[in-house]
Amino acid sequence: MANGFDTGADIKRRERAQRIALFRYQLICPALEPGLSTKQRGQLVRQIAGRTHDGPFGGQVRYARDTLDRWIRRYRAGGFDALAPTVRRASHRIDAQTFELAAALKRKNPTRTAAQVQRILRASTGWSPSESTLLRHFHMQDLMVAGGGRPAVFDLA
């Protein structure tokens, strides 16, 4: 979410998560009946696990009993929303100083490519993130615009 607005990717991610949660709910719904004994519920979950199902995005899928049990526990603890997959955030394994140095190199000479920045980092520090990692970082920092500045549309001057 940037500036309080969802991006198209955020909306798609949320729709996908809702679709997965609905699929999971439909699978475990029979086992959620309050009148079932523990033994009956176990048999029902084993039956569900023993079958192949049409997946939420097509294709055939099977789930282990442990997975179904985990979804049932999640549903009981947090309701429908707990069935949605969690958003995975990659933790930065690269120290911030490396990214700061890379961004400074790019700002100093906006025509530098990620490959050139990578070579400079390797020469000066002995190590560098991959070219694709640097590219992602440059895009997130808005450093990939021709001329190194913001597009004219956003230019307030």
N, C-alpha and C. Protein backbone atom coordinates (compact mmCIF):
# COMPACT_ATOMS: atom_id res chain seq x y z
N MET A 1 0.84 -1.16 0.00
CA MET A 1 0.00 0.00 0.00
C MET A 1 0.89 1.24 0.00
N ALA A 2 0.72 2.10 -0.96
CA ALA A 2 1.53 3.30 -1.06
C ALA A 2 0.63 4.52 -0.94
N ASN A 3 0.99 5.46 -0.09
CA ASN A 3 0.24 6.69 0.09
C ASN A 3 -1.22 6.44 0.45
N GLY A 4 -1.52 5.34 1.13
CA GLY A 4 -2.88 5.05 1.55
C GLY A 4 -3.75 4.41 0.48
N PHE A 5 -3.21 4.18 -0.70
CA PHE A 5 -3.98 3.59 -1.78
C PHE A 5 -3.44 2.21 -2.10
N ASP A 6 -4.36 1.28 -2.39
CA ASP A 6 -3.94 -0.06 -2.79
C ASP A 6 -3.49 -0.03 -4.24
N THR A 7 -2.42 -0.74 -4.51
CA THR A 7 -1.99 -0.90 -5.89
C THR A 7 -2.78 -2.03 -6.51
N GLY A 8 -2.70 -2.16 -7.81
CA GLY A 8 -3.38 -3.25 -8.49
C GLY A 8 -2.90 -4.60 -7.98
N ALA A 9 -1.60 -4.67 -7.67
CA ALA A 9 -1.03 -5.93 -7.15
C ALA A 9 -1.60 -6.25 -5.78
N ASP A 10 -1.80 -5.21 -4.94
CA ASP A 10 -2.38 -5.43 -3.61
C ASP A 10 -3.80 -5.97 -3.72
N ILE A 11 -4.57 -5.41 -4.63
CA ILE A 11 -5.96 -5.85 -4.82
C ILE A 11 -5.98 -7.29 -5.31
N LYS A 12 -5.13 -7.61 -6.28
CA LYS A 12 -5.08 -8.99 -6.79
C LYS A 12 -4.64 -9.96 -5.71
N ARG A 13 -3.66 -9.55 -4.90
CA ARG A 13 -3.17 -10.41 -3.81
C ARG A 13 -4.30 -10.68 -2.82
N ARG A 14 -5.07 -9.64 -2.49
CA ARG A 14 -6.18 -9.80 -1.54
C ARG A 14 -7.27 -10.70 -2.14
N GLU A 15 -7.60 -10.51 -3.43
CA GLU A 15 -8.60 -11.35 -4.08
C GLU A 15 -8.15 -12.81 -4.11
N ARG A 16 -6.88 -13.01 -4.38
CA ARG A 16 -6.34 -14.38 -4.40
C ARG A 16 -6.43 -15.01 -3.02
N ALA A 17 -6.08 -14.24 -1.99
CA ALA A 17 -6.14 -14.75 -0.61
C ALA A 17 -7.57 -15.08 -0.23
N GLN A 18 -8.53 -14.25 -0.64
CA GLN A 18 -9.94 -14.52 -0.34
C GLN A 18 -10.41 -15.79 -1.05
N ARG A 19 -9.97 -15.96 -2.27
CA ARG A 19 -10.36 -17.16 -3.02
C ARG A 19 -9.80 -18.42 -2.36
N ILE A 20 -8.57 -18.34 -1.89
CA ILE A 20 -7.95 -19.48 -1.20
C ILE A 20 -8.68 -19.75 0.11
N ALA A 21 -9.00 -18.69 0.86
CA ALA A 21 -9.72 -18.86 2.13
C ALA A 21 -11.08 -19.52 1.89
N LEU A 22 -11.79 -19.10 0.86
CA LEU A 22 -13.09 -19.69 0.55
C LEU A 22 -12.94 -21.17 0.18
N PHE A 23 -11.92 -21.48 -0.60
CA PHE A 23 -11.66 -22.87 -0.97
C PHE A 23 -11.39 -23.71 0.27
N ARG A 24 -10.54 -23.20 1.15
CA ARG A 24 -10.22 -23.93 2.38
C ARG A 24 -11.46 -24.13 3.24
N TYR A 25 -12.27 -23.08 3.34
CA TYR A 25 -13.49 -23.18 4.14
C TYR A 25 -14.42 -24.25 3.57
N GLN A 26 -14.58 -24.27 2.25
CA GLN A 26 -15.45 -25.27 1.63
C GLN A 26 -14.95 -26.69 1.89
N LEU A 27 -13.63 -26.86 1.93
CA LEU A 27 -13.08 -28.19 2.21
C LEU A 27 -13.37 -28.63 3.64
N ILE A 28 -13.16 -27.75 4.60
CA ILE A 28 -13.26 -28.14 6.01
C ILE A 28 -14.66 -27.96 6.59
N CYS A 29 -15.55 -27.31 5.86
CA CYS A 29 -16.89 -27.00 6.38
C CYS A 29 -17.61 -28.22 6.95
N PRO A 30 -17.62 -29.38 6.28
CA PRO A 30 -18.31 -30.52 6.86
C PRO A 30 -17.75 -30.93 8.23
N ALA A 31 -16.46 -30.72 8.44
CA ALA A 31 -15.84 -31.11 9.71
C ALA A 31 -16.07 -30.08 10.81
N LEU A 32 -16.68 -28.96 10.48
CA LEU A 32 -16.93 -27.91 11.47
C LEU A 32 -18.29 -28.04 12.16
N GLU A 33 -19.08 -29.02 11.75
CA GLU A 33 -20.41 -29.21 12.34
C GLU A 33 -20.28 -29.41 13.84
N PRO A 34 -21.04 -28.66 14.64
CA PRO A 34 -20.89 -28.72 16.09
C PRO A 34 -21.31 -30.06 16.71
N GLY A 35 -22.20 -30.81 16.08
CA GLY A 35 -22.69 -32.04 16.67
C GLY A 35 -21.78 -33.25 16.47
N LEU A 36 -20.68 -33.10 15.77
CA LEU A 36 -19.80 -34.24 15.50
C LEU A 36 -18.95 -34.58 16.72
N SER A 37 -18.78 -35.87 16.94
CA SER A 37 -17.86 -36.30 17.99
C SER A 37 -16.43 -36.19 17.45
N THR A 38 -15.47 -36.30 18.32
CA THR A 38 -14.07 -36.24 17.91
C THR A 38 -13.76 -37.35 16.91
N LYS A 39 -14.30 -38.53 17.18
CA LYS A 39 -14.07 -39.68 16.30
C LYS A 39 -14.70 -39.44 14.93
N GLN A 40 -15.93 -38.93 14.91
CA GLN A 40 -16.61 -38.66 13.64
C GLN A 40 -15.86 -37.58 12.85
N ARG A 41 -15.42 -36.56 13.56
CA ARG A 41 -14.69 -35.48 12.90
C ARG A 41 -13.38 -36.02 12.30
N GLY A 42 -12.69 -36.87 13.03
CA GLY A 42 -11.45 -37.46 12.54
C GLY A 42 -11.68 -38.29 11.28
N GLN A 43 -12.75 -39.09 11.28
CA GLN A 43 -13.07 -39.90 10.10
C GLN A 43 -13.39 -39.01 8.89
N LEU A 44 -14.14 -37.95 9.15
CA LEU A 44 -14.52 -37.03 8.07
C LEU A 44 -13.28 -36.33 7.49
N VAL A 45 -12.39 -35.89 8.36
CA VAL A 45 -11.17 -35.22 7.89
C VAL A 45 -10.31 -36.20 7.10
N ARG A 46 -10.21 -37.45 7.55
CA ARG A 46 -9.46 -38.46 6.80
C ARG A 46 -10.08 -38.69 5.43
N GLN A 47 -11.41 -38.69 5.34
CA GLN A 47 -12.08 -38.85 4.05
C GLN A 47 -11.75 -37.68 3.12
N ILE A 48 -11.81 -36.48 3.66
CA ILE A 48 -11.49 -35.28 2.86
C ILE A 48 -10.04 -35.36 2.38
N ALA A 49 -9.14 -35.76 3.26
CA ALA A 49 -7.72 -35.86 2.91
C ALA A 49 -7.47 -36.96 1.90
N GLY A 50 -8.31 -37.98 1.89
CA GLY A 50 -8.12 -39.11 1.00
C GLY A 50 -8.59 -38.87 -0.42
N ARG A 51 -9.24 -37.75 -0.66
CA ARG A 51 -9.77 -37.46 -2.00
C ARG A 51 -8.95 -36.38 -2.69
N THR A 52 -9.09 -36.37 -4.00
CA THR A 52 -8.52 -35.31 -4.82
C THR A 52 -9.62 -34.27 -5.03
N HIS A 53 -9.25 -33.00 -4.98
CA HIS A 53 -10.22 -31.91 -5.09
C HIS A 53 -9.84 -30.98 -6.23
N ASP A 54 -10.85 -30.30 -6.78
CA ASP A 54 -10.56 -29.25 -7.76
C ASP A 54 -10.01 -28.06 -7.00
N GLY A 55 -8.80 -27.65 -7.34
CA GLY A 55 -8.13 -26.56 -6.63
C GLY A 55 -8.79 -25.21 -6.86
N PRO A 56 -8.42 -24.22 -6.08
CA PRO A 56 -9.03 -22.90 -6.19
C PRO A 56 -8.71 -22.20 -7.51
N PHE A 57 -7.66 -22.63 -8.20
CA PHE A 57 -7.27 -22.01 -9.46
C PHE A 57 -7.19 -23.05 -10.57
N GLY A 58 -7.97 -24.12 -10.43
CA GLY A 58 -7.95 -25.20 -11.40
C GLY A 58 -6.95 -26.26 -10.97
N GLY A 59 -6.96 -27.35 -11.66
CA GLY A 59 -6.04 -28.41 -11.32
C GLY A 59 -6.55 -29.23 -10.14
N GLN A 60 -5.98 -30.38 -9.97
CA GLN A 60 -6.35 -31.29 -8.91
C GLN A 60 -5.36 -31.17 -7.75
N VAL A 61 -5.89 -31.12 -6.53
CA VAL A 61 -5.05 -30.99 -5.35
C VAL A 61 -5.49 -31.98 -4.29
N ARG A 62 -4.54 -32.37 -3.45
CA ARG A 62 -4.80 -33.21 -2.28
C ARG A 62 -4.13 -32.55 -1.10
N TYR A 63 -4.72 -32.70 0.06
CA TYR A 63 -4.16 -32.11 1.27
C TYR A 63 -4.03 -33.18 2.34
N ALA A 64 -2.98 -33.08 3.09
CA ALA A 64 -2.74 -34.01 4.19
C ALA A 64 -3.69 -33.71 5.34
N ARG A 65 -3.93 -34.71 6.14
CA ARG A 65 -4.81 -34.54 7.28
C ARG A 65 -4.30 -33.45 8.21
N ASP A 66 -2.99 -33.40 8.42
CA ASP A 66 -2.41 -32.36 9.29
C ASP A 66 -2.74 -30.96 8.79
N THR A 67 -2.71 -30.79 7.47
CA THR A 67 -3.03 -29.48 6.89
C THR A 67 -4.49 -29.13 7.16
N LEU A 68 -5.38 -30.08 6.94
CA LEU A 68 -6.81 -29.84 7.19
C LEU A 68 -7.06 -29.55 8.67
N ASP A 69 -6.40 -30.29 9.54
CA ASP A 69 -6.54 -30.04 10.99
C ASP A 69 -6.05 -28.64 11.34
N ARG A 70 -4.95 -28.21 10.73
CA ARG A 70 -4.42 -26.86 10.98
C ARG A 70 -5.43 -25.80 10.53
N TRP A 71 -6.06 -26.01 9.37
CA TRP A 71 -7.06 -25.05 8.89
C TRP A 71 -8.27 -25.00 9.82
N ILE A 72 -8.67 -26.16 10.34
CA ILE A 72 -9.80 -26.20 11.28
C ILE A 72 -9.45 -25.41 12.54
N ARG A 73 -8.25 -25.62 13.06
CA ARG A 73 -7.81 -24.86 14.25
C ARG A 73 -7.77 -23.36 13.97
N ARG A 74 -7.25 -23.00 12.81
CA ARG A 74 -7.19 -21.59 12.45
C ARG A 74 -8.59 -20.98 12.37
N TYR A 75 -9.50 -21.72 11.74
CA TYR A 75 -10.87 -21.22 11.59
C TYR A 75 -11.51 -21.02 12.96
N ARG A 76 -11.34 -21.99 13.84
CA ARG A 76 -11.92 -21.88 15.18
C ARG A 76 -11.33 -20.71 15.96
N ALA A 77 -10.05 -20.46 15.76
CA ALA A 77 -9.38 -19.39 16.51
C ALA A 77 -9.64 -18.00 15.92
N GLY A 78 -9.74 -17.91 14.59
CA GLY A 78 -9.82 -16.59 13.98
C GLY A 78 -10.89 -16.40 12.94
N GLY A 79 -11.74 -17.40 12.73
CA GLY A 79 -12.80 -17.25 11.74
C GLY A 79 -12.30 -17.37 10.32
N PHE A 80 -13.15 -16.92 9.40
CA PHE A 80 -12.87 -17.06 7.97
C PHE A 80 -11.55 -16.40 7.58
N ASP A 81 -11.29 -15.22 8.08
CA ASP A 81 -10.07 -14.49 7.70
C ASP A 81 -8.79 -15.25 8.05
N ALA A 82 -8.85 -16.10 9.06
CA ALA A 82 -7.67 -16.86 9.47
C ALA A 82 -7.32 -17.94 8.44
N LEU A 83 -8.23 -18.24 7.53
CA LEU A 83 -7.97 -19.25 6.50
C LEU A 83 -7.18 -18.68 5.32
N ALA A 84 -7.12 -17.37 5.22
CA ALA A 84 -6.38 -16.75 4.13
C ALA A 84 -4.89 -16.92 4.37
N PRO A 85 -4.13 -17.15 3.31
CA PRO A 85 -2.69 -17.27 3.49
C PRO A 85 -2.11 -15.94 3.97
N THR A 86 -1.08 -16.03 4.77
CA THR A 86 -0.45 -14.81 5.28
C THR A 86 0.42 -14.21 4.20
N VAL A 87 0.54 -12.91 4.23
CA VAL A 87 1.39 -12.21 3.27
C VAL A 87 2.84 -12.46 3.66
N ARG A 88 3.58 -12.91 2.72
CA ARG A 88 4.99 -13.20 2.99
C ARG A 88 5.81 -11.97 2.68
N ARG A 89 6.55 -11.58 3.65
CA ARG A 89 7.45 -10.44 3.50
C ARG A 89 8.87 -10.97 3.62
N ALA A 90 9.61 -10.77 2.58
CA ALA A 90 11.00 -11.21 2.62
C ALA A 90 11.76 -10.30 3.58
N SER A 91 12.41 -10.89 4.52
CA SER A 91 13.21 -10.08 5.43
C SER A 91 14.50 -9.71 4.71
N HIS A 92 14.96 -8.53 4.97
CA HIS A 92 16.19 -8.09 4.33
C HIS A 92 17.37 -8.81 4.96
N ARG A 93 18.04 -9.58 4.17
CA ARG A 93 19.22 -10.27 4.64
C ARG A 93 20.47 -9.46 4.31
N ILE A 94 20.26 -8.42 3.54
CA ILE A 94 21.36 -7.56 3.15
C ILE A 94 21.31 -6.34 4.04
N ASP A 95 22.43 -5.97 4.60
CA ASP A 95 22.44 -4.84 5.52
C ASP A 95 22.08 -3.54 4.81
N ALA A 96 21.48 -2.63 5.55
CA ALA A 96 20.99 -1.37 5.00
C ALA A 96 22.12 -0.54 4.41
N GLN A 97 23.31 -0.64 4.98
CA GLN A 97 24.44 0.15 4.48
C GLN A 97 24.79 -0.21 3.04
N THR A 98 24.67 -1.48 2.70
CA THR A 98 24.94 -1.91 1.33
C THR A 98 23.94 -1.29 0.38
N PHE A 99 22.66 -1.32 0.76
CA PHE A 99 21.63 -0.71 -0.08
C PHE A 99 21.82 0.80 -0.17
N GLU A 100 22.21 1.43 0.93
CA GLU A 100 22.44 2.88 0.92
C GLU A 100 23.60 3.24 -0.01
N LEU A 101 24.66 2.46 0.05
CA LEU A 101 25.80 2.69 -0.83
C LEU A 101 25.41 2.50 -2.29
N ALA A 102 24.65 1.45 -2.58
CA ALA A 102 24.20 1.19 -3.95
C ALA A 102 23.34 2.36 -4.45
N ALA A 103 22.42 2.83 -3.62
CA ALA A 103 21.55 3.94 -4.01
C ALA A 103 22.36 5.21 -4.22
N ALA A 104 23.35 5.44 -3.36
CA ALA A 104 24.20 6.63 -3.51
C ALA A 104 24.97 6.58 -4.83
N LEU A 105 25.48 5.40 -5.17
CA LEU A 105 26.20 5.24 -6.44
C LEU A 105 25.27 5.53 -7.62
N LYS A 106 24.05 5.06 -7.54
CA LYS A 106 23.08 5.27 -8.62
C LYS A 106 22.68 6.74 -8.69
N ARG A 107 22.48 7.38 -7.54
CA ARG A 107 22.11 8.81 -7.53
C ARG A 107 23.24 9.68 -8.08
N LYS A 108 24.47 9.32 -7.76
CA LYS A 108 25.63 10.09 -8.21
C LYS A 108 25.73 10.07 -9.73
N ASN A 109 25.44 8.92 -10.30
CA ASN A 109 25.46 8.79 -11.76
C ASN A 109 24.23 7.98 -12.18
N PRO A 110 23.10 8.66 -12.46
CA PRO A 110 21.85 7.96 -12.77
C PRO A 110 21.91 7.05 -13.99
N THR A 111 22.92 7.24 -14.85
CA THR A 111 23.00 6.37 -16.03
C THR A 111 23.69 5.05 -15.73
N ARG A 112 24.22 4.90 -14.51
CA ARG A 112 24.85 3.64 -14.13
C ARG A 112 23.83 2.52 -14.13
N THR A 113 24.24 1.39 -14.64
CA THR A 113 23.36 0.22 -14.62
C THR A 113 23.55 -0.53 -13.31
N ALA A 114 22.63 -1.43 -13.04
CA ALA A 114 22.75 -2.26 -11.84
C ALA A 114 24.01 -3.11 -11.91
N ALA A 115 24.37 -3.56 -13.11
CA ALA A 115 25.59 -4.37 -13.26
C ALA A 115 26.83 -3.54 -12.92
N GLN A 116 26.83 -2.27 -13.32
CA GLN A 116 27.97 -1.41 -12.99
C GLN A 116 28.05 -1.17 -11.49
N VAL A 117 26.90 -0.90 -10.86
CA VAL A 117 26.87 -0.69 -9.41
C VAL A 117 27.34 -1.96 -8.71
N GLN A 118 26.93 -3.11 -9.21
CA GLN A 118 27.34 -4.38 -8.63
C GLN A 118 28.87 -4.54 -8.69
N ARG A 119 29.47 -4.19 -9.82
CA ARG A 119 30.93 -4.30 -9.96
C ARG A 119 31.64 -3.35 -9.01
N ILE A 120 31.12 -2.14 -8.85
CA ILE A 120 31.74 -1.16 -7.95
C ILE A 120 31.66 -1.66 -6.50
N LEU A 121 30.48 -2.19 -6.12
CA LEU A 121 30.32 -2.71 -4.76
C LEU A 121 31.29 -3.86 -4.50
N ARG A 122 31.41 -4.75 -5.47
CA ARG A 122 32.33 -5.89 -5.30
C ARG A 122 33.77 -5.42 -5.14
N ALA A 123 34.14 -4.42 -5.95
CA ALA A 123 35.51 -3.92 -5.89
C ALA A 123 35.79 -3.20 -4.57
N SER A 124 34.77 -2.48 -4.05
CA SER A 124 35.02 -1.68 -2.85
C SER A 124 34.77 -2.44 -1.54
N THR A 125 33.82 -3.37 -1.55
CA THR A 125 33.48 -4.07 -0.31
C THR A 125 33.80 -5.56 -0.35
N GLY A 126 34.09 -6.07 -1.54
CA GLY A 126 34.38 -7.49 -1.67
C GLY A 126 33.13 -8.35 -1.89
N TRP A 127 31.95 -7.72 -1.89
CA TRP A 127 30.71 -8.47 -2.05
C TRP A 127 29.63 -7.53 -2.57
N SER A 128 28.64 -8.10 -3.24
CA SER A 128 27.52 -7.30 -3.73
C SER A 128 26.29 -8.17 -3.85
N PRO A 129 25.11 -7.57 -3.64
CA PRO A 129 23.87 -8.30 -3.93
C PRO A 129 23.80 -8.59 -5.42
N SER A 130 22.88 -9.47 -5.80
CA SER A 130 22.72 -9.80 -7.21
C SER A 130 22.21 -8.58 -7.98
N GLU A 131 22.40 -8.64 -9.27
CA GLU A 131 21.94 -7.54 -10.14
C GLU A 131 20.42 -7.36 -10.02
N SER A 132 19.68 -8.46 -9.97
CA SER A 132 18.22 -8.35 -9.88
C SER A 132 17.79 -7.74 -8.54
N THR A 133 18.52 -8.04 -7.47
CA THR A 133 18.22 -7.44 -6.17
C THR A 133 18.47 -5.94 -6.21
N LEU A 134 19.57 -5.55 -6.82
CA LEU A 134 19.85 -4.13 -6.96
C LEU A 134 18.79 -3.43 -7.81
N LEU A 135 18.37 -4.07 -8.89
CA LEU A 135 17.32 -3.49 -9.74
C LEU A 135 16.03 -3.28 -8.94
N ARG A 136 15.64 -4.30 -8.18
CA ARG A 136 14.42 -4.16 -7.35
C ARG A 136 14.56 -3.00 -6.39
N HIS A 137 15.72 -2.89 -5.77
CA HIS A 137 15.96 -1.80 -4.82
C HIS A 137 15.89 -0.45 -5.54
N PHE A 138 16.50 -0.34 -6.71
CA PHE A 138 16.47 0.92 -7.45
C PHE A 138 15.05 1.29 -7.85
N HIS A 139 14.25 0.30 -8.23
CA HIS A 139 12.85 0.57 -8.57
C HIS A 139 12.09 1.05 -7.34
N MET A 140 12.30 0.41 -6.20
CA MET A 140 11.59 0.82 -4.98
C MET A 140 12.00 2.23 -4.56
N GLN A 141 13.21 2.63 -4.87
CA GLN A 141 13.71 3.96 -4.50
C GLN A 141 13.46 4.99 -5.61
N ASP A 142 12.74 4.61 -6.66
CA ASP A 142 12.47 5.49 -7.81
C ASP A 142 13.76 6.01 -8.44
N LEU A 143 14.73 5.15 -8.58
CA LEU A 143 16.01 5.54 -9.16
C LEU A 143 16.16 5.07 -10.60
N MET A 144 15.14 4.47 -11.16
CA MET A 144 15.26 3.91 -12.50
C MET A 144 14.67 4.81 -13.58
N VAL A 145 14.25 6.00 -13.22
CA VAL A 145 13.67 6.92 -14.18
C VAL A 145 14.80 7.54 -14.99
N ALA A 146 14.60 7.69 -16.28
CA ALA A 146 15.62 8.30 -17.14
C ALA A 146 16.04 9.65 -16.58
N GLY A 147 17.32 9.86 -16.47
CA GLY A 147 17.82 11.11 -15.93
C GLY A 147 17.91 11.10 -14.42
N GLY A 148 17.42 10.05 -13.77
CA GLY A 148 17.55 9.91 -12.34
C GLY A 148 16.53 10.65 -11.52
N GLY A 149 15.71 11.48 -12.13
CA GLY A 149 14.72 12.23 -11.37
C GLY A 149 13.35 11.61 -11.47
N ARG A 150 12.37 12.33 -11.01
CA ARG A 150 10.99 11.87 -11.11
C ARG A 150 10.47 12.16 -12.51
N PRO A 151 9.48 11.41 -12.96
CA PRO A 151 8.87 11.70 -14.26
C PRO A 151 8.28 13.11 -14.24
N ALA A 152 8.18 13.74 -15.40
CA ALA A 152 7.68 15.11 -15.50
C ALA A 152 6.27 15.24 -14.92
N VAL A 153 5.49 14.19 -14.98
CA VAL A 153 4.12 14.21 -14.46
C VAL A 153 4.12 14.56 -12.98
N PHE A 154 5.15 14.11 -12.25
CA PHE A 154 5.22 14.35 -10.82
C PHE A 154 6.06 15.57 -10.44
N ASP A 155 6.63 16.21 -11.45
CA ASP A 155 7.50 17.35 -11.19
C ASP A 155 6.65 18.53 -10.76
N LEU A 156 6.89 19.03 -9.56
CA LEU A 156 6.09 20.13 -9.01
C LEU A 156 6.65 21.48 -9.38
N ALA A 157 7.83 21.54 -9.94
CA ALA A 157 8.44 22.82 -10.27
C ALA A 157 7.94 23.36 -11.59
